[in-house]
Amino acid sequence: MLVLDLFSNKAFLAIAAGVGYAIATILMKIASEDTTTVVIGAIALMLAAVVTAEILLLRQVDLGLAYIAIMATETLLVLCATFFVGQPLTFRELAGGALVLVGVMIVSF
C-alpha cells in the first residue's frame, strides 16, 4: 500500500520527475564523452520513468503547476550536478540559473 501511496503523492511525483531529468542529463554528459549501449539504455530507462511520473502527476494537477515544480527541482539538481561531472559553473551561468529559479517562484505564486 505504501508504494501506491507514493505514486499518488503529487510532491513525490514532481520531485521524482525533476530528479529523473537531472540524472538523465548527467548520463547524457557521460555519453558525450564515452557512448556505450549501457549508457544509452540507462538514459532511455530514466526518461521512460520520468514520462511515467509526469503522466501520473498530470492526472492530479494542472499542466502549469506540474512543470513549475518539475523545472524548479531539475534546475536545482542540474546546477548542483555540474560539480559532480567536473564542470563547475561560472558566475554568469549561476546567475542565469538563479534567474530561472526566481522566474519559477514568481510564476508559482
N, C-alpha and C. Protein backbone atom coordinates (compact mmCIF):
# COMPACT_ATOMS: atom_id res chain seq x y z
N MET A 1 0.81 -1.19 0.00
CA MET A 1 0.00 0.00 0.00
C MET A 1 0.86 1.26 0.00
N LEU A 2 2.01 1.20 0.66
CA LEU A 2 2.90 2.36 0.72
C LEU A 2 3.36 2.77 -0.67
N VAL A 3 3.66 1.81 -1.53
CA VAL A 3 4.11 2.12 -2.90
C VAL A 3 3.01 2.83 -3.66
N LEU A 4 1.77 2.37 -3.51
CA LEU A 4 0.66 3.03 -4.20
C LEU A 4 0.45 4.44 -3.68
N ASP A 5 0.67 4.65 -2.38
CA ASP A 5 0.56 5.99 -1.82
C ASP A 5 1.61 6.92 -2.41
N LEU A 6 2.84 6.42 -2.58
CA LEU A 6 3.90 7.24 -3.17
C LEU A 6 3.56 7.66 -4.59
N PHE A 7 3.01 6.73 -5.37
CA PHE A 7 2.72 7.04 -6.76
C PHE A 7 1.47 7.91 -6.93
N SER A 8 0.79 8.20 -5.83
CA SER A 8 -0.33 9.13 -5.90
C SER A 8 0.00 10.44 -5.18
N ASN A 9 1.21 10.54 -4.63
CA ASN A 9 1.64 11.74 -3.94
C ASN A 9 2.20 12.74 -4.95
N LYS A 10 1.57 13.91 -5.04
CA LYS A 10 1.96 14.91 -6.04
C LYS A 10 3.39 15.40 -5.84
N ALA A 11 3.77 15.66 -4.61
CA ALA A 11 5.13 16.16 -4.36
C ALA A 11 6.16 15.11 -4.75
N PHE A 12 5.91 13.85 -4.39
CA PHE A 12 6.84 12.78 -4.75
C PHE A 12 7.00 12.67 -6.26
N LEU A 13 5.89 12.73 -6.99
CA LEU A 13 5.94 12.60 -8.45
C LEU A 13 6.69 13.76 -9.09
N ALA A 14 6.46 14.97 -8.60
CA ALA A 14 7.15 16.14 -9.16
C ALA A 14 8.65 16.06 -8.88
N ILE A 15 9.01 15.68 -7.67
CA ILE A 15 10.44 15.56 -7.33
C ILE A 15 11.07 14.41 -8.10
N ALA A 16 10.35 13.30 -8.22
CA ALA A 16 10.88 12.15 -8.97
C ALA A 16 11.15 12.52 -10.42
N ALA A 17 10.24 13.28 -11.03
CA ALA A 17 10.44 13.70 -12.43
C ALA A 17 11.64 14.63 -12.54
N GLY A 18 11.76 15.59 -11.63
CA GLY A 18 12.90 16.50 -11.66
C GLY A 18 14.22 15.78 -11.45
N VAL A 19 14.24 14.85 -10.49
CA VAL A 19 15.46 14.06 -10.24
C VAL A 19 15.78 13.20 -11.46
N GLY A 20 14.75 12.62 -12.06
CA GLY A 20 14.96 11.79 -13.25
C GLY A 20 15.57 12.57 -14.40
N TYR A 21 15.06 13.78 -14.62
CA TYR A 21 15.64 14.63 -15.67
C TYR A 21 17.09 14.96 -15.36
N ALA A 22 17.38 15.27 -14.10
CA ALA A 22 18.75 15.61 -13.73
C ALA A 22 19.68 14.41 -13.94
N ILE A 23 19.25 13.23 -13.54
CA ILE A 23 20.06 12.02 -13.74
C ILE A 23 20.25 11.75 -15.23
N ALA A 24 19.19 11.91 -16.01
CA ALA A 24 19.31 11.72 -17.47
C ALA A 24 20.30 12.72 -18.06
N THR A 25 20.32 13.94 -17.55
CA THR A 25 21.26 14.95 -18.03
C THR A 25 22.70 14.54 -17.72
N ILE A 26 22.94 14.04 -16.52
CA ILE A 26 24.28 13.57 -16.16
C ILE A 26 24.68 12.40 -17.06
N LEU A 27 23.76 11.48 -17.30
CA LEU A 27 24.04 10.34 -18.18
C LEU A 27 24.34 10.81 -19.61
N MET A 28 23.64 11.84 -20.06
CA MET A 28 23.91 12.37 -21.40
C MET A 28 25.30 12.98 -21.47
N LYS A 29 25.73 13.63 -20.39
CA LYS A 29 27.09 14.18 -20.35
C LYS A 29 28.10 13.04 -20.40
N ILE A 30 27.85 11.98 -19.68
CA ILE A 30 28.73 10.81 -19.72
C ILE A 30 28.76 10.23 -21.13
N ALA A 31 27.59 10.15 -21.77
CA ALA A 31 27.51 9.61 -23.13
C ALA A 31 28.24 10.49 -24.13
N SER A 32 28.34 11.78 -23.86
CA SER A 32 29.04 12.67 -24.79
C SER A 32 30.53 12.41 -24.81
N GLU A 33 31.03 11.81 -23.75
CA GLU A 33 32.46 11.51 -23.68
C GLU A 33 32.76 10.05 -24.03
N ASP A 34 31.85 9.14 -23.68
CA ASP A 34 32.06 7.72 -23.92
C ASP A 34 30.71 7.05 -24.15
N THR A 35 30.27 7.04 -25.39
CA THR A 35 28.97 6.48 -25.72
C THR A 35 29.03 4.96 -25.73
N THR A 36 28.22 4.36 -24.86
CA THR A 36 28.10 2.91 -24.83
C THR A 36 26.63 2.54 -24.85
N THR A 37 26.36 1.32 -25.19
CA THR A 37 24.98 0.85 -25.21
C THR A 37 24.37 0.91 -23.81
N VAL A 38 25.17 0.64 -22.80
CA VAL A 38 24.68 0.66 -21.42
C VAL A 38 24.23 2.07 -21.03
N VAL A 39 25.03 3.07 -21.37
CA VAL A 39 24.68 4.45 -21.03
C VAL A 39 23.44 4.89 -21.80
N ILE A 40 23.37 4.57 -23.07
CA ILE A 40 22.18 4.93 -23.87
C ILE A 40 20.95 4.23 -23.31
N GLY A 41 21.08 2.98 -22.93
CA GLY A 41 19.96 2.25 -22.32
C GLY A 41 19.53 2.86 -21.00
N ALA A 42 20.51 3.29 -20.19
CA ALA A 42 20.19 3.92 -18.91
C ALA A 42 19.46 5.25 -19.13
N ILE A 43 19.88 6.00 -20.14
CA ILE A 43 19.17 7.26 -20.46
C ILE A 43 17.74 6.96 -20.87
N ALA A 44 17.55 5.97 -21.72
CA ALA A 44 16.20 5.62 -22.18
C ALA A 44 15.32 5.17 -21.01
N LEU A 45 15.86 4.35 -20.12
CA LEU A 45 15.09 3.90 -18.96
C LEU A 45 14.73 5.06 -18.04
N MET A 46 15.68 5.96 -17.83
CA MET A 46 15.43 7.10 -16.96
C MET A 46 14.35 8.00 -17.55
N LEU A 47 14.44 8.26 -18.85
CA LEU A 47 13.42 9.11 -19.47
C LEU A 47 12.05 8.44 -19.49
N ALA A 48 12.01 7.12 -19.63
CA ALA A 48 10.74 6.39 -19.56
C ALA A 48 10.14 6.52 -18.16
N ALA A 49 10.97 6.45 -17.14
CA ALA A 49 10.48 6.61 -15.77
C ALA A 49 9.96 8.03 -15.54
N VAL A 50 10.66 9.02 -16.11
CA VAL A 50 10.23 10.42 -15.98
C VAL A 50 8.87 10.62 -16.65
N VAL A 51 8.71 10.08 -17.84
CA VAL A 51 7.44 10.21 -18.55
C VAL A 51 6.32 9.59 -17.73
N THR A 52 6.56 8.44 -17.14
CA THR A 52 5.55 7.79 -16.31
C THR A 52 5.19 8.66 -15.11
N ALA A 53 6.20 9.21 -14.44
CA ALA A 53 5.95 10.08 -13.28
C ALA A 53 5.16 11.32 -13.70
N GLU A 54 5.50 11.89 -14.85
CA GLU A 54 4.78 13.08 -15.32
C GLU A 54 3.33 12.77 -15.66
N ILE A 55 3.09 11.64 -16.30
CA ILE A 55 1.71 11.26 -16.63
C ILE A 55 0.89 11.10 -15.36
N LEU A 56 1.45 10.41 -14.37
CA LEU A 56 0.74 10.23 -13.10
C LEU A 56 0.50 11.57 -12.41
N LEU A 57 1.47 12.47 -12.48
CA LEU A 57 1.33 13.79 -11.88
C LEU A 57 0.26 14.61 -12.59
N LEU A 58 0.26 14.56 -13.93
CA LEU A 58 -0.71 15.34 -14.71
C LEU A 58 -2.14 14.86 -14.53
N ARG A 59 -2.31 13.66 -14.02
CA ARG A 59 -3.67 13.19 -13.68
C ARG A 59 -4.21 13.90 -12.45
N GLN A 60 -3.32 14.51 -11.68
CA GLN A 60 -3.71 15.11 -10.40
C GLN A 60 -3.65 16.63 -10.37
N VAL A 61 -2.78 17.23 -11.18
CA VAL A 61 -2.61 18.69 -11.13
C VAL A 61 -2.62 19.26 -12.54
N ASP A 62 -2.78 20.57 -12.60
CA ASP A 62 -2.74 21.27 -13.89
C ASP A 62 -1.34 21.23 -14.48
N LEU A 63 -1.27 21.35 -15.78
CA LEU A 63 -0.01 21.30 -16.52
C LEU A 63 0.98 22.35 -16.02
N GLY A 64 0.53 23.57 -15.85
CA GLY A 64 1.41 24.64 -15.42
C GLY A 64 2.05 24.37 -14.07
N LEU A 65 1.27 23.93 -13.12
CA LEU A 65 1.79 23.64 -11.79
C LEU A 65 2.78 22.48 -11.83
N ALA A 66 2.46 21.47 -12.61
CA ALA A 66 3.36 20.31 -12.72
C ALA A 66 4.72 20.72 -13.26
N TYR A 67 4.74 21.50 -14.31
CA TYR A 67 6.01 21.88 -14.92
C TYR A 67 6.79 22.88 -14.08
N ILE A 68 6.10 23.71 -13.32
CA ILE A 68 6.81 24.63 -12.42
C ILE A 68 7.55 23.82 -11.37
N ALA A 69 6.89 22.85 -10.78
CA ALA A 69 7.52 22.03 -9.74
C ALA A 69 8.67 21.21 -10.32
N ILE A 70 8.46 20.61 -11.48
CA ILE A 70 9.50 19.80 -12.11
C ILE A 70 10.69 20.66 -12.51
N MET A 71 10.42 21.83 -13.09
CA MET A 71 11.51 22.70 -13.55
C MET A 71 12.35 23.20 -12.38
N ALA A 72 11.71 23.54 -11.28
CA ALA A 72 12.46 24.01 -10.12
C ALA A 72 13.37 22.91 -9.58
N THR A 73 12.83 21.72 -9.45
CA THR A 73 13.63 20.59 -8.95
C THR A 73 14.78 20.29 -9.89
N GLU A 74 14.48 20.20 -11.18
CA GLU A 74 15.51 19.87 -12.17
C GLU A 74 16.61 20.94 -12.21
N THR A 75 16.22 22.21 -12.18
CA THR A 75 17.20 23.29 -12.25
C THR A 75 18.16 23.24 -11.07
N LEU A 76 17.63 23.06 -9.87
CA LEU A 76 18.49 22.97 -8.69
C LEU A 76 19.45 21.79 -8.79
N LEU A 77 18.93 20.66 -9.20
CA LEU A 77 19.78 19.46 -9.27
C LEU A 77 20.83 19.56 -10.36
N VAL A 78 20.47 20.10 -11.52
CA VAL A 78 21.45 20.22 -12.60
C VAL A 78 22.53 21.23 -12.23
N LEU A 79 22.15 22.32 -11.57
CA LEU A 79 23.16 23.28 -11.12
C LEU A 79 24.14 22.61 -10.16
N CYS A 80 23.63 21.78 -9.27
CA CYS A 80 24.50 21.07 -8.33
C CYS A 80 25.29 19.97 -9.03
N ALA A 81 24.70 19.33 -10.01
CA ALA A 81 25.35 18.19 -10.68
C ALA A 81 26.55 18.60 -11.52
N THR A 82 26.62 19.86 -11.90
CA THR A 82 27.76 20.28 -12.72
C THR A 82 29.08 20.03 -12.00
N PHE A 83 29.07 20.15 -10.69
CA PHE A 83 30.28 19.88 -9.91
C PHE A 83 30.59 18.38 -9.91
N PHE A 84 29.56 17.54 -9.95
CA PHE A 84 29.74 16.09 -9.98
C PHE A 84 30.46 15.64 -11.25
N VAL A 85 30.14 16.28 -12.37
CA VAL A 85 30.77 15.90 -13.63
C VAL A 85 32.05 16.68 -13.90
N GLY A 86 32.46 17.50 -12.94
CA GLY A 86 33.72 18.20 -13.06
C GLY A 86 33.69 19.45 -13.92
N GLN A 87 32.53 20.07 -14.04
CA GLN A 87 32.41 21.30 -14.80
C GLN A 87 31.72 22.37 -13.97
N PRO A 88 32.45 22.97 -13.04
CA PRO A 88 31.82 24.00 -12.22
C PRO A 88 31.32 25.15 -13.08
N LEU A 89 30.27 25.78 -12.62
CA LEU A 89 29.65 26.86 -13.38
C LEU A 89 30.35 28.19 -13.13
N THR A 90 30.30 29.04 -14.13
CA THR A 90 30.82 30.39 -13.99
C THR A 90 29.78 31.23 -13.25
N PHE A 91 30.17 32.41 -12.82
CA PHE A 91 29.24 33.31 -12.15
C PHE A 91 28.05 33.62 -13.06
N ARG A 92 28.33 33.82 -14.32
CA ARG A 92 27.26 34.14 -15.29
C ARG A 92 26.26 33.00 -15.40
N GLU A 93 26.75 31.76 -15.43
CA GLU A 93 25.85 30.60 -15.52
C GLU A 93 25.05 30.42 -14.22
N LEU A 94 25.69 30.65 -13.08
CA LEU A 94 24.97 30.58 -11.81
C LEU A 94 23.89 31.66 -11.73
N ALA A 95 24.22 32.84 -12.22
CA ALA A 95 23.23 33.93 -12.23
C ALA A 95 22.05 33.57 -13.13
N GLY A 96 22.33 32.95 -14.27
CA GLY A 96 21.26 32.52 -15.16
C GLY A 96 20.37 31.47 -14.49
N GLY A 97 20.98 30.52 -13.80
CA GLY A 97 20.21 29.52 -13.07
C GLY A 97 19.37 30.15 -11.98
N ALA A 98 19.94 31.14 -11.30
CA ALA A 98 19.18 31.85 -10.26
C ALA A 98 17.98 32.58 -10.87
N LEU A 99 18.17 33.16 -12.05
CA LEU A 99 17.05 33.83 -12.72
C LEU A 99 15.93 32.84 -13.08
N VAL A 100 16.32 31.64 -13.51
CA VAL A 100 15.33 30.61 -13.81
C VAL A 100 14.54 30.28 -12.55
N LEU A 101 15.25 30.09 -11.43
CA LEU A 101 14.57 29.76 -10.17
C LEU A 101 13.67 30.90 -9.70
N VAL A 102 14.13 32.13 -9.83
CA VAL A 102 13.29 33.27 -9.46
C VAL A 102 12.06 33.34 -10.34
N GLY A 103 12.24 33.10 -11.64
CA GLY A 103 11.10 33.07 -12.55
C GLY A 103 10.10 31.99 -12.19
N VAL A 104 10.59 30.84 -11.82
CA VAL A 104 9.70 29.75 -11.39
C VAL A 104 8.94 30.15 -10.13
N MET A 105 9.63 30.79 -9.19
CA MET A 105 8.95 31.22 -7.97
C MET A 105 7.88 32.27 -8.26
N ILE A 106 8.19 33.21 -9.14
CA ILE A 106 7.22 34.26 -9.47
C ILE A 106 5.98 33.65 -10.12
N VAL A 107 6.17 32.74 -11.04
CA VAL A 107 5.04 32.12 -11.73
C VAL A 107 4.21 31.26 -10.79
N SER A 108 4.88 30.65 -9.80
CA SER A 108 4.16 29.74 -8.91
C SER A 108 3.27 30.45 -7.90
N PHE A 109 3.50 31.75 -7.68
CA PHE A 109 2.66 32.48 -6.72
C PHE A 109 1.54 33.12 -7.39
